[in-house]
Amino acid sequence: MQSAATLSIERVDAIETQRLLPELAELLCACVHGGASIGFVLPFGMEEAAHFWQEKILPAVGAGGRLLLVARQGGRIAGSVQLVVDTPANQPHRAEVSKLLVNPALRRQGIGRALMEALEAEARSLGRSLITLDTRTGDSAEPLYAALGFSIAGIIPDYCRDPLLDRLDATTVMYKRLDDFRAR
């Protein structure tokens, strides 16, 4: 197994996203089948995963409303995360984290943390001072976000379907201030 030291993270444009679609679809499919609460439920196959990337993410990356960061380890995609920057006119200081994905076979190696740190650097470079996200309450990502300095804004009960079980799960809404926009 490769170590996290061989990890590389890069922001990919629409052309590279298009090239990576098969690997991104594999990553998404593996995460959903691994129980990740990321907007999909079983049954979920490669066709649905490819459609998501092709129809939902690729156009947004191409239009500049969404940044896609990809982590590679050993030449393969190990994870990805998105930063939504297409915000309303009254929220130009804010960005939203979307779909932090880490291959289930490669979890607990610091890939999620590295992706989030790179995402935060991207947000800062764009002048964003507030990052928001939501995560399934009690999920393995929640302590990671807290360790990265995210605060809990609240919990919404019965927010989404569990990807594997017939039940509704709560979501925790979190935020992180990168700097104080009022000081500008």
Protein backbone atom coordinates (compact mmCIF):
# COMPACT_ATOMS: atom_id res chain seq x y z
CA MET A 1 0.00 0.00 0.00
CA GLN A 2 1.25 3.49 -0.85
CA SER A 3 1.73 6.00 1.94
CA ALA A 4 0.01 9.38 2.13
CA ALA A 5 3.46 10.92 1.47
CA THR A 6 3.05 10.04 -2.23
CA LEU A 7 -0.26 11.90 -2.39
CA SER A 8 -0.70 14.75 -4.84
CA ILE A 9 -3.64 17.12 -5.01
CA GLU A 10 -4.51 19.29 -7.96
CA ARG A 11 -7.33 21.48 -9.14
CA VAL A 12 -8.63 20.11 -12.43
CA ASP A 13 -10.32 22.06 -15.22
CA ALA A 14 -13.20 20.90 -17.40
CA ILE A 15 -10.92 19.28 -19.98
CA GLU A 16 -9.15 17.20 -17.32
CA THR A 17 -12.49 16.45 -15.61
CA GLN A 18 -13.79 15.06 -18.91
CA ARG A 19 -10.69 12.86 -19.23
CA LEU A 20 -11.07 11.63 -15.66
CA LEU A 21 -14.80 10.81 -15.88
CA PRO A 22 -14.38 7.00 -15.76
CA GLU A 23 -12.15 7.16 -12.66
CA LEU A 24 -14.36 9.77 -10.99
CA ALA A 25 -17.39 7.56 -11.62
CA GLU A 26 -15.57 4.59 -10.07
CA LEU A 27 -14.70 6.70 -7.02
CA LEU A 28 -18.28 7.88 -6.56
CA CYS A 29 -19.67 4.37 -7.01
CA ALA A 30 -17.21 2.93 -4.46
CA CYS A 31 -18.10 5.63 -1.92
CA VAL A 32 -21.86 5.15 -2.30
CA HIS A 33 -21.47 1.36 -2.00
CA GLY A 34 -19.26 1.99 1.03
CA GLY A 35 -22.15 3.77 2.77
CA ALA A 36 -21.19 7.41 2.18
CA SER A 37 -24.18 9.74 2.51
CA ILE A 38 -23.48 11.93 -0.51
CA GLY A 39 -26.86 12.23 -2.17
CA PHE A 40 -27.30 8.76 -3.66
CA VAL A 41 -28.89 5.51 -2.51
CA LEU A 42 -28.63 1.89 -3.56
CA PRO A 43 -29.09 0.53 -6.10
CA PHE A 44 -26.44 2.79 -7.65
CA GLY A 45 -24.30 1.86 -10.62
CA MET A 46 -21.56 3.15 -12.84
CA GLU A 47 -24.03 4.57 -15.36
CA GLU A 48 -25.63 6.81 -12.70
CA ALA A 49 -22.21 7.81 -11.39
CA ALA A 50 -20.96 8.75 -14.86
CA HIS A 51 -24.16 10.69 -15.53
CA PHE A 52 -23.68 12.69 -12.31
CA TRP A 53 -20.16 13.75 -13.27
CA GLN A 54 -21.00 14.36 -16.94
CA GLU A 55 -24.28 16.23 -16.48
CA LYS A 56 -24.01 17.91 -13.08
CA ILE A 57 -20.35 18.54 -12.30
CA LEU A 58 -18.59 18.94 -15.64
CA PRO A 59 -20.79 21.87 -16.78
CA ALA A 60 -20.38 23.65 -13.43
CA VAL A 61 -16.59 23.18 -13.50
CA GLY A 62 -16.52 24.47 -17.08
CA ALA A 63 -18.59 27.52 -16.15
CA GLY A 64 -16.36 28.31 -13.17
CA GLY A 65 -19.09 27.91 -10.57
CA ARG A 66 -17.49 24.84 -9.02
CA LEU A 67 -13.87 23.90 -8.40
CA LEU A 68 -12.86 20.26 -8.47
CA LEU A 69 -9.83 19.07 -6.54
CA VAL A 70 -8.52 15.56 -7.13
CA ALA A 71 -6.15 13.57 -4.93
CA ARG A 72 -3.94 11.05 -6.67
CA GLN A 73 -1.98 8.29 -5.02
CA GLY A 74 0.13 5.90 -7.03
CA GLY A 75 -1.14 7.46 -10.26
CA ARG A 76 -4.82 6.71 -9.46
CA ILE A 77 -7.57 8.90 -8.10
CA ALA A 78 -7.77 8.41 -4.34
CA GLY A 79 -10.29 11.13 -3.61
CA SER A 80 -11.89 14.38 -4.63
CA VAL A 81 -13.73 17.37 -3.22
CA GLN A 82 -15.64 20.25 -4.74
CA LEU A 83 -15.88 23.92 -3.78
CA VAL A 84 -19.07 25.61 -4.94
CA VAL A 85 -18.34 29.28 -5.61
CA ASP A 86 -21.48 30.09 -7.61
CA THR A 87 -23.15 31.92 -4.74
CA PRO A 88 -25.89 34.59 -4.71
CA ALA A 89 -24.97 38.25 -5.15
CA ASN A 90 -25.30 38.90 -1.42
CA GLN A 91 -22.88 36.05 -0.55
CA PRO A 92 -19.71 36.64 -2.57
CA HIS A 93 -17.65 35.99 0.57
CA ARG A 94 -18.97 32.43 0.98
CA ALA A 95 -18.27 29.05 -0.63
CA GLU A 96 -19.67 25.60 0.00
CA VAL A 97 -17.90 22.25 0.35
CA SER A 98 -19.51 19.51 -1.70
CA LYS A 99 -18.87 15.79 -2.03
CA LEU A 100 -15.68 15.04 -0.13
CA LEU A 101 -14.95 11.56 -1.51
CA VAL A 102 -12.16 9.22 -0.45
CA ASN A 103 -11.86 5.73 -1.87
CA PRO A 104 -13.06 3.44 0.95
CA ALA A 105 -9.93 1.26 0.58
CA LEU A 106 -7.73 4.31 1.20
CA ARG A 107 -9.46 5.95 4.17
CA ARG A 108 -7.65 6.89 7.40
CA GLN A 109 -4.48 7.91 5.51
CA GLY A 110 -4.96 11.70 5.65
CA ILE A 111 -6.41 12.03 2.14
CA GLY A 112 -9.63 13.72 3.29
CA ARG A 113 -7.68 16.15 5.47
CA ALA A 114 -5.28 16.98 2.64
CA LEU A 115 -8.18 17.58 0.24
CA MET A 116 -9.91 19.87 2.74
CA GLU A 117 -6.71 21.83 3.41
CA ALA A 118 -6.21 22.32 -0.33
CA LEU A 119 -9.87 23.34 -0.69
CA GLU A 120 -9.46 25.92 2.06
CA ALA A 121 -6.39 27.35 0.31
CA GLU A 122 -8.42 27.64 -2.92
CA ALA A 123 -11.22 29.42 -1.07
CA ARG A 124 -8.76 31.88 0.48
CA SER A 125 -7.15 32.55 -2.91
CA LEU A 126 -10.61 33.48 -4.22
CA GLY A 127 -11.20 35.87 -1.33
CA ARG A 128 -13.81 33.66 0.34
CA SER A 129 -13.98 34.18 4.09
CA LEU A 130 -16.65 31.63 5.03
CA ILE A 131 -16.94 27.97 4.07
CA THR A 132 -20.10 25.98 4.77
CA LEU A 133 -20.95 22.28 4.48
CA ASP A 134 -23.36 19.65 5.66
CA THR A 135 -22.55 16.09 6.67
CA ARG A 136 -24.58 13.19 7.97
CA THR A 137 -24.74 13.52 11.74
CA GLY A 138 -22.40 11.04 13.39
CA ASP A 139 -20.65 10.19 10.11
CA SER A 140 -16.90 9.55 10.08
CA ALA A 141 -16.29 12.89 8.33
CA GLU A 142 -17.86 14.96 11.13
CA PRO A 143 -14.87 14.67 13.53
CA LEU A 144 -12.51 15.50 10.63
CA TYR A 145 -14.38 18.73 9.91
CA ALA A 146 -14.35 19.63 13.62
CA ALA A 147 -10.59 18.96 13.80
CA LEU A 148 -10.13 21.28 10.81
CA GLY A 149 -11.84 24.09 12.71
CA PHE A 150 -15.41 23.83 11.46
CA SER A 151 -18.12 24.77 13.95
CA ILE A 152 -21.61 23.30 14.15
CA ALA A 153 -24.38 25.68 13.15
CA GLY A 154 -27.12 23.15 13.81
CA ILE A 155 -28.58 19.73 13.16
CA ILE A 156 -31.53 19.06 10.86
CA PRO A 157 -33.40 15.84 11.72
CA ASP A 158 -34.62 13.42 9.03
CA TYR A 159 -32.71 15.34 6.34
CA CYS A 160 -31.82 12.53 3.94
CA ARG A 161 -32.21 8.85 3.23
CA ASP A 162 -29.48 6.54 4.34
CA PRO A 163 -27.72 5.19 1.22
CA LEU A 164 -27.91 1.57 2.40
CA LEU A 165 -30.79 1.31 4.87
CA ASP A 166 -34.45 2.27 4.76
CA ARG A 167 -34.26 5.13 7.24
CA LEU A 168 -33.85 8.90 7.44
CA ASP A 169 -30.69 10.44 8.84
CA ALA A 170 -30.01 13.84 10.36
CA THR A 171 -27.46 16.22 8.89
CA THR A 172 -25.07 18.53 10.70
CA VAL A 173 -24.60 21.95 9.15
CA MET A 174 -21.10 23.33 9.74
CA TYR A 175 -19.12 26.45 8.91
CA LYS A 176 -15.62 27.83 9.14
CA ARG A 177 -14.58 31.47 9.07
CA LEU A 178 -11.35 31.90 7.16
CA ASP A 179 -10.99 35.55 8.12
CA ASP A 180 -13.26 38.40 9.10
CA PHE A 181 -14.75 40.01 5.98
CA ARG A 182 -15.68 43.12 8.01
CA ALA A 183 -11.97 43.89 8.43
CA ARG A 184 -11.53 44.41 4.68
